[in-house]
Amino acid sequence: MTEAKTSLKRTLIGKVVSDKRAKTVTVLVERRVKHELYDKIVMKSSKYHAHDEKSEYKMGDIIEISESRPLSKTKNWVVTRLVQKAALV
C-alpha cells in the first residue's frame, strides 16, 4: 500500500519584515477575524521566525512557511517557497 501521505504540518503565507539575522527571517502573518461583540472584521497579526538556509529572502517578499521541529528558542518554522518577490521602489 503506497498511498500519498498528506502533510500534517501547518503552512502560513506572510510578508518578510526583517532579514537581519543569519539564516533567519521574521515573517508577519495577517488574518481577518470577525470581532465577537461588534461583528466587525478586524485584522490580527502574528510574527514568526522562520529558517532560511541560504538567506535568499529579502524584506517585502511574500513567502510560505511551514511548521517544523524547534530549531532554536524562538524558531520552529521553515521557509518552503517564494510566493511573490518584493516590488522594487
PDB file of N, CA and C in Angstrom:
ATOM      1  N   MET A   1       0.832  -1.191   0.000  1.00  0.00           N
ATOM      2  CA  MET A   1       0.000   0.000   0.000  1.00  0.00           C
ATOM      3  C   MET A   1       0.874   1.251   0.000  1.00  0.00           C
ATOM      4  N   THR A   2       1.033   1.833  -1.141  1.00  0.00           N
ATOM      5  CA  THR A   2       1.796   3.074  -1.247  1.00  0.00           C
ATOM      6  C   THR A   2       0.816   4.201  -1.549  1.00  0.00           C
ATOM      7  N   GLU A   3       0.385   4.873  -0.510  1.00  0.00           N
ATOM      8  CA  GLU A   3      -0.547   5.979  -0.640  1.00  0.00           C
ATOM      9  C   GLU A   3       0.183   7.295  -0.450  1.00  0.00           C
ATOM     10  N   ALA A   4      -0.316   8.327  -1.087  1.00  0.00           N
ATOM     11  CA  ALA A   4       0.268   9.654  -0.929  1.00  0.00           C
ATOM     12  C   ALA A   4      -0.011  10.146   0.486  1.00  0.00           C
ATOM     13  N   LYS A   5       1.040  10.452   1.217  1.00  0.00           N
ATOM     14  CA  LYS A   5       0.912  10.904   2.600  1.00  0.00           C
ATOM     15  C   LYS A   5       0.642  12.402   2.613  1.00  0.00           C
ATOM     16  N   THR A   6      -0.464  12.813   3.225  1.00  0.00           N
ATOM     17  CA  THR A   6      -0.759  14.241   3.329  1.00  0.00           C
ATOM     18  C   THR A   6      -0.026  14.803   4.536  1.00  0.00           C
ATOM     19  N   SER A   7       0.526  15.988   4.373  1.00  0.00           N
ATOM     20  CA  SER A   7       1.310  16.612   5.424  1.00  0.00           C
ATOM     21  C   SER A   7       0.401  17.143   6.528  1.00  0.00           C
ATOM     22  N   LEU A   8       0.765  16.869   7.762  1.00  0.00           N
ATOM     23  CA  LEU A   8       0.011  17.374   8.906  1.00  0.00           C
ATOM     24  C   LEU A   8       0.565  18.700   9.411  1.00  0.00           C
ATOM     25  N   LYS A   9       1.635  19.195   8.768  1.00  0.00           N
ATOM     26  CA  LYS A   9       2.254  20.442   9.192  1.00  0.00           C
ATOM     27  C   LYS A   9       1.444  21.629   8.696  1.00  0.00           C
ATOM     28  N   ARG A  10       1.283  22.635   9.569  1.00  0.00           N
ATOM     29  CA  ARG A  10       0.567  23.842   9.181  1.00  0.00           C
ATOM     30  C   ARG A  10       1.434  24.665   8.228  1.00  0.00           C
ATOM     31  N   THR A  11       0.801  25.340   7.290  1.00  0.00           N
ATOM     32  CA  THR A  11       1.507  26.269   6.413  1.00  0.00           C
ATOM     33  C   THR A  11       0.818  27.618   6.491  1.00  0.00           C
ATOM     34  N   LEU A  12       1.617  28.671   6.473  1.00  0.00           N
ATOM     35  CA  LEU A  12       1.107  30.039   6.528  1.00  0.00           C
ATOM     36  C   LEU A  12       1.787  30.856   5.438  1.00  0.00           C
ATOM     37  N   ILE A  13       1.107  31.909   4.990  1.00  0.00           N
ATOM     38  CA  ILE A  13       1.683  32.816   3.999  1.00  0.00           C
ATOM     39  C   ILE A  13       1.774  34.195   4.629  1.00  0.00           C
ATOM     40  N   GLY A  14       2.958  34.801   4.552  1.00  0.00           N
ATOM     41  CA  GLY A  14       3.150  36.109   5.158  1.00  0.00           C
ATOM     42  C   GLY A  14       4.245  36.899   4.474  1.00  0.00           C
ATOM     43  N   LYS A  15       4.486  38.091   5.007  1.00  0.00           N
ATOM     44  CA  LYS A  15       5.447  39.029   4.428  1.00  0.00           C
ATOM     45  C   LYS A  15       6.700  39.099   5.291  1.00  0.00           C
ATOM     46  N   VAL A  16       7.862  39.103   4.657  1.00  0.00           N
ATOM     47  CA  VAL A  16       9.129  39.211   5.378  1.00  0.00           C
ATOM     48  C   VAL A  16       9.284  40.652   5.854  1.00  0.00           C
ATOM     49  N   VAL A  17       9.401  40.832   7.184  1.00  0.00           N
ATOM     50  CA  VAL A  17       9.556  42.177   7.728  1.00  0.00           C
ATOM     51  C   VAL A  17      10.964  42.424   8.253  1.00  0.00           C
ATOM     52  N   SER A  18      11.776  41.353   8.383  1.00  0.00           N
ATOM     53  CA  SER A  18      13.162  41.514   8.808  1.00  0.00           C
ATOM     54  C   SER A  18      13.987  40.359   8.265  1.00  0.00           C
ATOM     55  N   ASP A  19      15.170  40.708   7.731  1.00  0.00           N
ATOM     56  CA  ASP A  19      16.091  39.675   7.251  1.00  0.00           C
ATOM     57  C   ASP A  19      17.503  39.929   7.778  1.00  0.00           C
ATOM     58  N   LYS A  20      17.585  40.557   8.948  1.00  0.00           N
ATOM     59  CA  LYS A  20      18.869  40.950   9.501  1.00  0.00           C
ATOM     60  C   LYS A  20      19.627  39.798  10.163  1.00  0.00           C
ATOM     61  N   ARG A  21      18.932  38.779  10.621  1.00  0.00           N
ATOM     62  CA  ARG A  21      19.602  37.657  11.286  1.00  0.00           C
ATOM     63  C   ARG A  21      20.205  36.699  10.269  1.00  0.00           C
ATOM     64  N   ALA A  22      21.191  35.945  10.736  1.00  0.00           N
ATOM     65  CA  ALA A  22      21.812  34.930   9.888  1.00  0.00           C
ATOM     66  C   ALA A  22      20.878  33.728   9.778  1.00  0.00           C
ATOM     67  N   LYS A  23      20.540  33.358   8.539  1.00  0.00           N
ATOM     68  CA  LYS A  23      19.703  32.192   8.236  1.00  0.00           C
ATOM     69  C   LYS A  23      18.306  32.251   8.850  1.00  0.00           C
ATOM     70  N   THR A  24      17.831  33.456   9.183  1.00  0.00           N
ATOM     71  CA  THR A  24      16.512  33.608   9.783  1.00  0.00           C
ATOM     72  C   THR A  24      15.802  34.816   9.184  1.00  0.00           C
ATOM     73  N   VAL A  25      14.509  34.661   8.922  1.00  0.00           N
ATOM     74  CA  VAL A  25      13.682  35.793   8.509  1.00  0.00           C
ATOM     75  C   VAL A  25      12.513  35.906   9.479  1.00  0.00           C
ATOM     76  N   THR A  26      12.045  37.123   9.701  1.00  0.00           N
ATOM     77  CA  THR A  26      10.861  37.356  10.513  1.00  0.00           C
ATOM     78  C   THR A  26       9.695  37.581   9.564  1.00  0.00           C
ATOM     79  N   VAL A  27       8.633  36.797   9.749  1.00  0.00           N
ATOM     80  CA  VAL A  27       7.503  36.819   8.828  1.00  0.00           C
ATOM     81  C   VAL A  27       6.267  37.323   9.563  1.00  0.00           C
ATOM     82  N   LEU A  28       5.589  38.317   8.984  1.00  0.00           N
ATOM     83  CA  LEU A  28       4.355  38.860   9.536  1.00  0.00           C
ATOM     84  C   LEU A  28       3.185  38.207   8.814  1.00  0.00           C
ATOM     85  N   VAL A  29       2.348  37.496   9.575  1.00  0.00           N
ATOM     86  CA  VAL A  29       1.178  36.833   9.018  1.00  0.00           C
ATOM     87  C   VAL A  29      -0.058  37.566   9.518  1.00  0.00           C
ATOM     88  N   GLU A  30      -0.853  38.070   8.578  1.00  0.00           N
ATOM     89  CA  GLU A  30      -2.074  38.800   8.934  1.00  0.00           C
ATOM     90  C   GLU A  30      -3.285  37.953   8.584  1.00  0.00           C
ATOM     91  N   ARG A  31      -4.311  38.031   9.448  1.00  0.00           N
ATOM     92  CA  ARG A  31      -5.552  37.314   9.173  1.00  0.00           C
ATOM     93  C   ARG A  31      -6.726  38.187   9.545  1.00  0.00           C
ATOM     94  N   ARG A  32      -7.852  37.947   8.867  1.00  0.00           N
ATOM     95  CA  ARG A  32      -9.072  38.721   9.101  1.00  0.00           C
ATOM     96  C   ARG A  32      -9.993  37.909   9.995  1.00  0.00           C
ATOM     97  N   VAL A  33     -10.434  38.512  11.113  1.00  0.00           N
ATOM     98  CA  VAL A  33     -11.268  37.824  12.094  1.00  0.00           C
ATOM     99  C   VAL A  33     -12.466  38.708  12.415  1.00  0.00           C
ATOM    100  N   LYS A  34     -13.613  38.099  12.601  1.00  0.00           N
ATOM    101  CA  LYS A  34     -14.805  38.845  12.999  1.00  0.00           C
ATOM    102  C   LYS A  34     -14.777  39.061  14.505  1.00  0.00           C
ATOM    103  N   HIS A  35     -14.947  40.306  14.934  1.00  0.00           N
ATOM    104  CA  HIS A  35     -14.972  40.633  16.353  1.00  0.00           C
ATOM    105  C   HIS A  35     -16.198  39.988  16.997  1.00  0.00           C
ATOM    106  N   GLU A  36     -15.998  39.364  18.160  1.00  0.00           N
ATOM    107  CA  GLU A  36     -17.077  38.601  18.793  1.00  0.00           C
ATOM    108  C   GLU A  36     -18.274  39.480  19.173  1.00  0.00           C
ATOM    109  N   LEU A  37     -18.002  40.655  19.720  1.00  0.00           N
ATOM    110  CA  LEU A  37     -19.063  41.519  20.228  1.00  0.00           C
ATOM    111  C   LEU A  37     -19.627  42.447  19.152  1.00  0.00           C
ATOM    112  N   TYR A  38     -18.737  43.058  18.367  1.00  0.00           N
ATOM    113  CA  TYR A  38     -19.168  44.099  17.450  1.00  0.00           C
ATOM    114  C   TYR A  38     -19.377  43.624  16.019  1.00  0.00           C
ATOM    115  N   ASP A  39     -19.109  42.377  15.724  1.00  0.00           N
ATOM    116  CA  ASP A  39     -19.294  41.796  14.391  1.00  0.00           C
ATOM    117  C   ASP A  39     -18.583  42.565  13.279  1.00  0.00           C
ATOM    118  N   LYS A  40     -17.516  43.245  13.632  1.00  0.00           N
ATOM    119  CA  LYS A  40     -16.729  43.971  12.641  1.00  0.00           C
ATOM    120  C   LYS A  40     -15.517  43.113  12.277  1.00  0.00           C
ATOM    121  N   ILE A  41     -15.118  43.152  11.017  1.00  0.00           N
ATOM    122  CA  ILE A  41     -13.939  42.410  10.588  1.00  0.00           C
ATOM    123  C   ILE A  41     -12.698  43.201  11.007  1.00  0.00           C
ATOM    124  N   VAL A  42     -11.823  42.579  11.773  1.00  0.00           N
ATOM    125  CA  VAL A  42     -10.595  43.227  12.224  1.00  0.00           C
ATOM    126  C   VAL A  42      -9.391  42.394  11.771  1.00  0.00           C
ATOM    127  N   MET A  43      -8.255  43.081  11.589  1.00  0.00           N
ATOM    128  CA  MET A  43      -7.030  42.405  11.182  1.00  0.00           C
ATOM    129  C   MET A  43      -6.243  42.016  12.432  1.00  0.00           C
ATOM    130  N   LYS A  44      -5.872  40.761  12.525  1.00  0.00           N
ATOM    131  CA  LYS A  44      -4.984  40.301  13.588  1.00  0.00           C
ATOM    132  C   LYS A  44      -3.706  39.847  12.927  1.00  0.00           C
ATOM    133  N   SER A  45      -2.579  40.061  13.612  1.00  0.00           N
ATOM    134  CA  SER A  45      -1.306  39.685  13.010  1.00  0.00           C
ATOM    135  C   SER A  45      -0.425  38.968  14.021  1.00  0.00           C
ATOM    136  N   SER A  46       0.456  38.133  13.506  1.00  0.00           N
ATOM    137  CA  SER A  46       1.428  37.416  14.320  1.00  0.00           C
ATOM    138  C   SER A  46       2.756  37.423  13.583  1.00  0.00           C
ATOM    139  N   LYS A  47       3.846  37.445  14.347  1.00  0.00           N
ATOM    140  CA  LYS A  47       5.180  37.383  13.755  1.00  0.00           C
ATOM    141  C   LYS A  47       5.793  36.032  14.079  1.00  0.00           C
ATOM    142  N   TYR A  48       6.409  35.426  13.084  1.00  0.00           N
ATOM    143  CA  TYR A  48       7.072  34.139  13.252  1.00  0.00           C
ATOM    144  C   TYR A  48       8.505  34.247  12.760  1.00  0.00           C
ATOM    145  N   HIS A  49       9.422  33.552  13.437  1.00  0.00           N
ATOM    146  CA  HIS A  49      10.800  33.443  12.974  1.00  0.00           C
ATOM    147  C   HIS A  49      10.904  32.163  12.163  1.00  0.00           C
ATOM    148  N   ALA A  50      11.390  32.275  10.926  1.00  0.00           N
ATOM    149  CA  ALA A  50      11.468  31.120  10.041  1.00  0.00           C
ATOM    150  C   ALA A  50      12.899  30.914   9.573  1.00  0.00           C
ATOM    151  N   HIS A  51      13.270  29.649   9.404  1.00  0.00           N
ATOM    152  CA  HIS A  51      14.616  29.284   8.978  1.00  0.00           C
ATOM    153  C   HIS A  51      14.749  29.480   7.474  1.00  0.00           C
ATOM    154  N   ASP A  52      15.783  30.211   7.073  1.00  0.00           N
ATOM    155  CA  ASP A  52      16.079  30.487   5.664  1.00  0.00           C
ATOM    156  C   ASP A  52      17.546  30.122   5.442  1.00  0.00           C
ATOM    157  N   GLU A  53      17.799  28.888   5.027  1.00  0.00           N
ATOM    158  CA  GLU A  53      19.157  28.329   4.986  1.00  0.00           C
ATOM    159  C   GLU A  53      20.130  29.164   4.166  1.00  0.00           C
ATOM    160  N   LYS A  54      19.712  29.634   2.970  1.00  0.00           N
ATOM    161  CA  LYS A  54      20.629  30.348   2.083  1.00  0.00           C
ATOM    162  C   LYS A  54      20.516  31.862   2.193  1.00  0.00           C
ATOM    163  N   SER A  55      19.707  32.360   3.119  1.00  0.00           N
ATOM    164  CA  SER A  55      19.457  33.801   3.277  1.00  0.00           C
ATOM    165  C   SER A  55      19.081  34.444   1.944  1.00  0.00           C
ATOM    166  N   GLU A  56      18.151  33.812   1.220  1.00  0.00           N
ATOM    167  CA  GLU A  56      17.784  34.295  -0.108  1.00  0.00           C
ATOM    168  C   GLU A  56      16.556  35.185  -0.114  1.00  0.00           C
ATOM    169  N   TYR A  57      15.791  35.223   0.980  1.00  0.00           N
ATOM    170  CA  TYR A  57      14.560  36.025   1.016  1.00  0.00           C
ATOM    171  C   TYR A  57      14.843  37.367   1.667  1.00  0.00           C
ATOM    172  N   LYS A  58      14.331  38.434   1.049  1.00  0.00           N
ATOM    173  CA  LYS A  58      14.604  39.795   1.497  1.00  0.00           C
ATOM    174  C   LYS A  58      13.329  40.458   1.995  1.00  0.00           C
ATOM    175  N   MET A  59      13.472  41.633   2.605  1.00  0.00           N
ATOM    176  CA  MET A  59      12.324  42.372   3.126  1.00  0.00           C
ATOM    177  C   MET A  59      11.313  42.667   2.027  1.00  0.00           C
ATOM    178  N   GLY A  60      10.039  42.451   2.350  1.00  0.00           N
ATOM    179  CA  GLY A  60       8.978  42.724   1.401  1.00  0.00           C
ATOM    180  C   GLY A  60       8.527  41.507   0.610  1.00  0.00           C
ATOM    181  N   ASP A  61       9.332  40.448   0.586  1.00  0.00           N
ATOM    182  CA  ASP A  61       8.936  39.226  -0.123  1.00  0.00           C
ATOM    183  C   ASP A  61       7.746  38.583   0.584  1.00  0.00           C
ATOM    184  N   ILE A  62       6.858  37.991  -0.181  1.00  0.00           N
ATOM    185  CA  ILE A  62       5.755  37.222   0.383  1.00  0.00           C
ATOM    186  C   ILE A  62       6.134  35.754   0.227  1.00  0.00           C
ATOM    187  N   ILE A  63       6.177  35.028   1.366  1.00  0.00           N
ATOM    188  CA  ILE A  63       6.661  33.653   1.360  1.00  0.00           C
ATOM    189  C   ILE A  63       5.686  32.739   2.081  1.00  0.00           C
ATOM    190  N   GLU A  64       5.883  31.438   1.870  1.00  0.00           N
ATOM    191  CA  GLU A  64       5.107  30.430   2.580  1.00  0.00           C
ATOM    192  C   GLU A  64       6.030  29.748   3.584  1.00  0.00           C
ATOM    193  N   ILE A  65       5.554  29.598   4.821  1.00  0.00           N
ATOM    194  CA  ILE A  65       6.338  28.919   5.852  1.00  0.00           C
ATOM    195  C   ILE A  65       5.562  27.706   6.342  1.00  0.00           C
ATOM    196  N   SER A  66       6.291  26.688   6.786  1.00  0.00           N
ATOM    197  CA  SER A  66       5.628  25.507   7.325  1.00  0.00           C
ATOM    198  C   SER A  66       6.265  25.138   8.653  1.00  0.00           C
ATOM    199  N   GLU A  67       5.479  24.483   9.482  1.00  0.00           N
ATOM    200  CA  GLU A  67       5.895  24.097  10.822  1.00  0.00           C
ATOM    201  C   GLU A  67       7.003  23.058  10.757  1.00  0.00           C
ATOM    202  N   SER A  68       7.905  23.095  11.728  1.00  0.00           N
ATOM    203  CA  SER A  68       8.976  22.099  11.796  1.00  0.00           C
ATOM    204  C   SER A  68       9.330  21.870  13.254  1.00  0.00           C
ATOM    205  N   ARG A  69      10.340  21.063  13.459  1.00  0.00           N
ATOM    206  CA  ARG A  69      10.814  20.843  14.824  1.00  0.00           C
ATOM    207  C   ARG A  69      11.459  22.125  15.323  1.00  0.00           C
ATOM    208  N   PRO A  70      11.594  22.311  16.637  1.00  0.00           N
ATOM    209  CA  PRO A  70      12.249  23.521  17.143  1.00  0.00           C
ATOM    210  C   PRO A  70      13.706  23.592  16.685  1.00  0.00           C
ATOM    211  N   LEU A  71      14.050  24.703  16.035  1.00  0.00           N
ATOM    212  CA  LEU A  71      15.412  24.902  15.538  1.00  0.00           C
ATOM    213  C   LEU A  71      16.224  25.794  16.467  1.00  0.00           C
ATOM    214  N   SER A  72      15.540  26.597  17.271  1.00  0.00           N
ATOM    215  CA  SER A  72      16.182  27.422  18.286  1.00  0.00           C
ATOM    216  C   SER A  72      15.109  27.776  19.301  1.00  0.00           C
ATOM    217  N   LYS A  73      15.422  28.704  20.190  1.00  0.00           N
ATOM    218  CA  LYS A  73      14.465  29.070  21.240  1.00  0.00           C
ATOM    219  C   LYS A  73      13.167  29.631  20.662  1.00  0.00           C
ATOM    220  N   THR A  74      13.263  30.434  19.615  1.00  0.00           N
ATOM    221  CA  THR A  74      12.072  31.081  19.062  1.00  0.00           C
ATOM    222  C   THR A  74      11.726  30.616  17.653  1.00  0.00           C
ATOM    223  N   LYS A  75      12.521  29.738  17.085  1.00  0.00           N
ATOM    224  CA  LYS A  75      12.354  29.404  15.664  1.00  0.00           C
ATOM    225  C   LYS A  75      11.898  27.959  15.488  1.00  0.00           C
ATOM    226  N   ASN A  76      10.638  27.792  15.047  1.00  0.00           N
ATOM    227  CA  ASN A  76      10.179  26.445  14.708  1.00  0.00           C
ATOM    228  C   ASN A  76       9.340  26.445  13.435  1.00  0.00           C
ATOM    229  N   TRP A  77       9.710  27.305  12.486  1.00  0.00           N
ATOM    230  CA  TRP A  77       9.101  27.358  11.164  1.00  0.00           C
ATOM    231  C   TRP A  77      10.219  27.354  10.128  1.00  0.00           C
ATOM    232  N   VAL A  78       9.928  26.841   8.926  1.00  0.00           N
ATOM    233  CA  VAL A  78      10.899  26.789   7.839  1.00  0.00           C
ATOM    234  C   VAL A  78      10.248  27.385   6.597  1.00  0.00           C
ATOM    235  N   VAL A  79      11.016  28.187   5.851  1.00  0.00           N
ATOM    236  CA  VAL A  79      10.503  28.761   4.606  1.00  0.00           C
ATOM    237  C   VAL A  79      10.408  27.645   3.570  1.00  0.00           C
ATOM    238  N   THR A  80       9.225  27.498   2.945  1.00  0.00           N
ATOM    239  CA  THR A  80       9.059  26.448   1.952  1.00  0.00           C
ATOM    240  C   THR A  80       9.135  26.967   0.523  1.00  0.00           C
ATOM    241  N   ARG A  81       8.550  28.168   0.266  1.00  0.00           N
ATOM    242  CA  ARG A  81       8.609  28.672  -1.108  1.00  0.00           C
ATOM    243  C   ARG A  81       8.368  30.179  -1.132  1.00  0.00           C
ATOM    244  N   LEU A  82       8.786  30.770  -2.247  1.00  0.00           N
ATOM    245  CA  LEU A  82       8.545  32.186  -2.509  1.00  0.00           C
ATOM    246  C   LEU A  82       7.216  32.315  -3.240  1.00  0.00           C
ATOM    247  N   VAL A  83       6.310  33.139  -2.705  1.00  0.00           N
ATOM    248  CA  VAL A  83       5.024  33.353  -3.349  1.00  0.00           C
ATOM    249  C   VAL A  83       5.112  34.545  -4.293  1.00  0.00           C
ATOM    250  N   GLN A  84       5.701  35.650  -3.798  1.00  0.00           N
ATOM    251  CA  GLN A  84       5.822  36.860  -4.620  1.00  0.00           C
ATOM    252  C   GLN A  84       7.057  37.625  -4.204  1.00  0.00           C
ATOM    253  N   LYS A  85       7.841  38.049  -5.183  1.00  0.00           N
ATOM    254  CA  LYS A  85       9.051  38.826  -4.920  1.00  0.00           C
ATOM    255  C   LYS A  85       8.675  40.260  -4.569  1.00  0.00           C
ATOM    256  N   ALA A  86       9.476  40.894  -3.724  1.00  0.00           N
ATOM    257  CA  ALA A  86       9.206  42.281  -3.323  1.00  0.00           C
ATOM    258  C   ALA A  86       9.338  43.206  -4.521  1.00  0.00           C
ATOM    259  N   ALA A  87       8.436  44.161  -4.624  1.00  0.00           N
ATOM    260  CA  ALA A  87       8.485  45.139  -5.714  1.00  0.00           C
ATOM    261  C   ALA A  87       9.577  46.167  -5.432  1.00  0.00           C
ATOM    262  N   LEU A  88      10.358  46.492  -6.430  1.00  0.00           N
ATOM    263  CA  LEU A  88      11.407  47.494  -6.271  1.00  0.00           C
ATOM    264  C   LEU A  88      10.776  48.879  -6.253  1.00  0.00           C
ATOM    265  N   VAL A  89      11.165  49.684  -5.278  1.00  0.00           N
ATOM    266  CA  VAL A  89      10.580  51.015  -5.146  1.00  0.00           C
ATOM    267  C   VAL A  89      11.514  52.034  -5.735  1.00  0.00           C
TER     268      VAL A  89
END
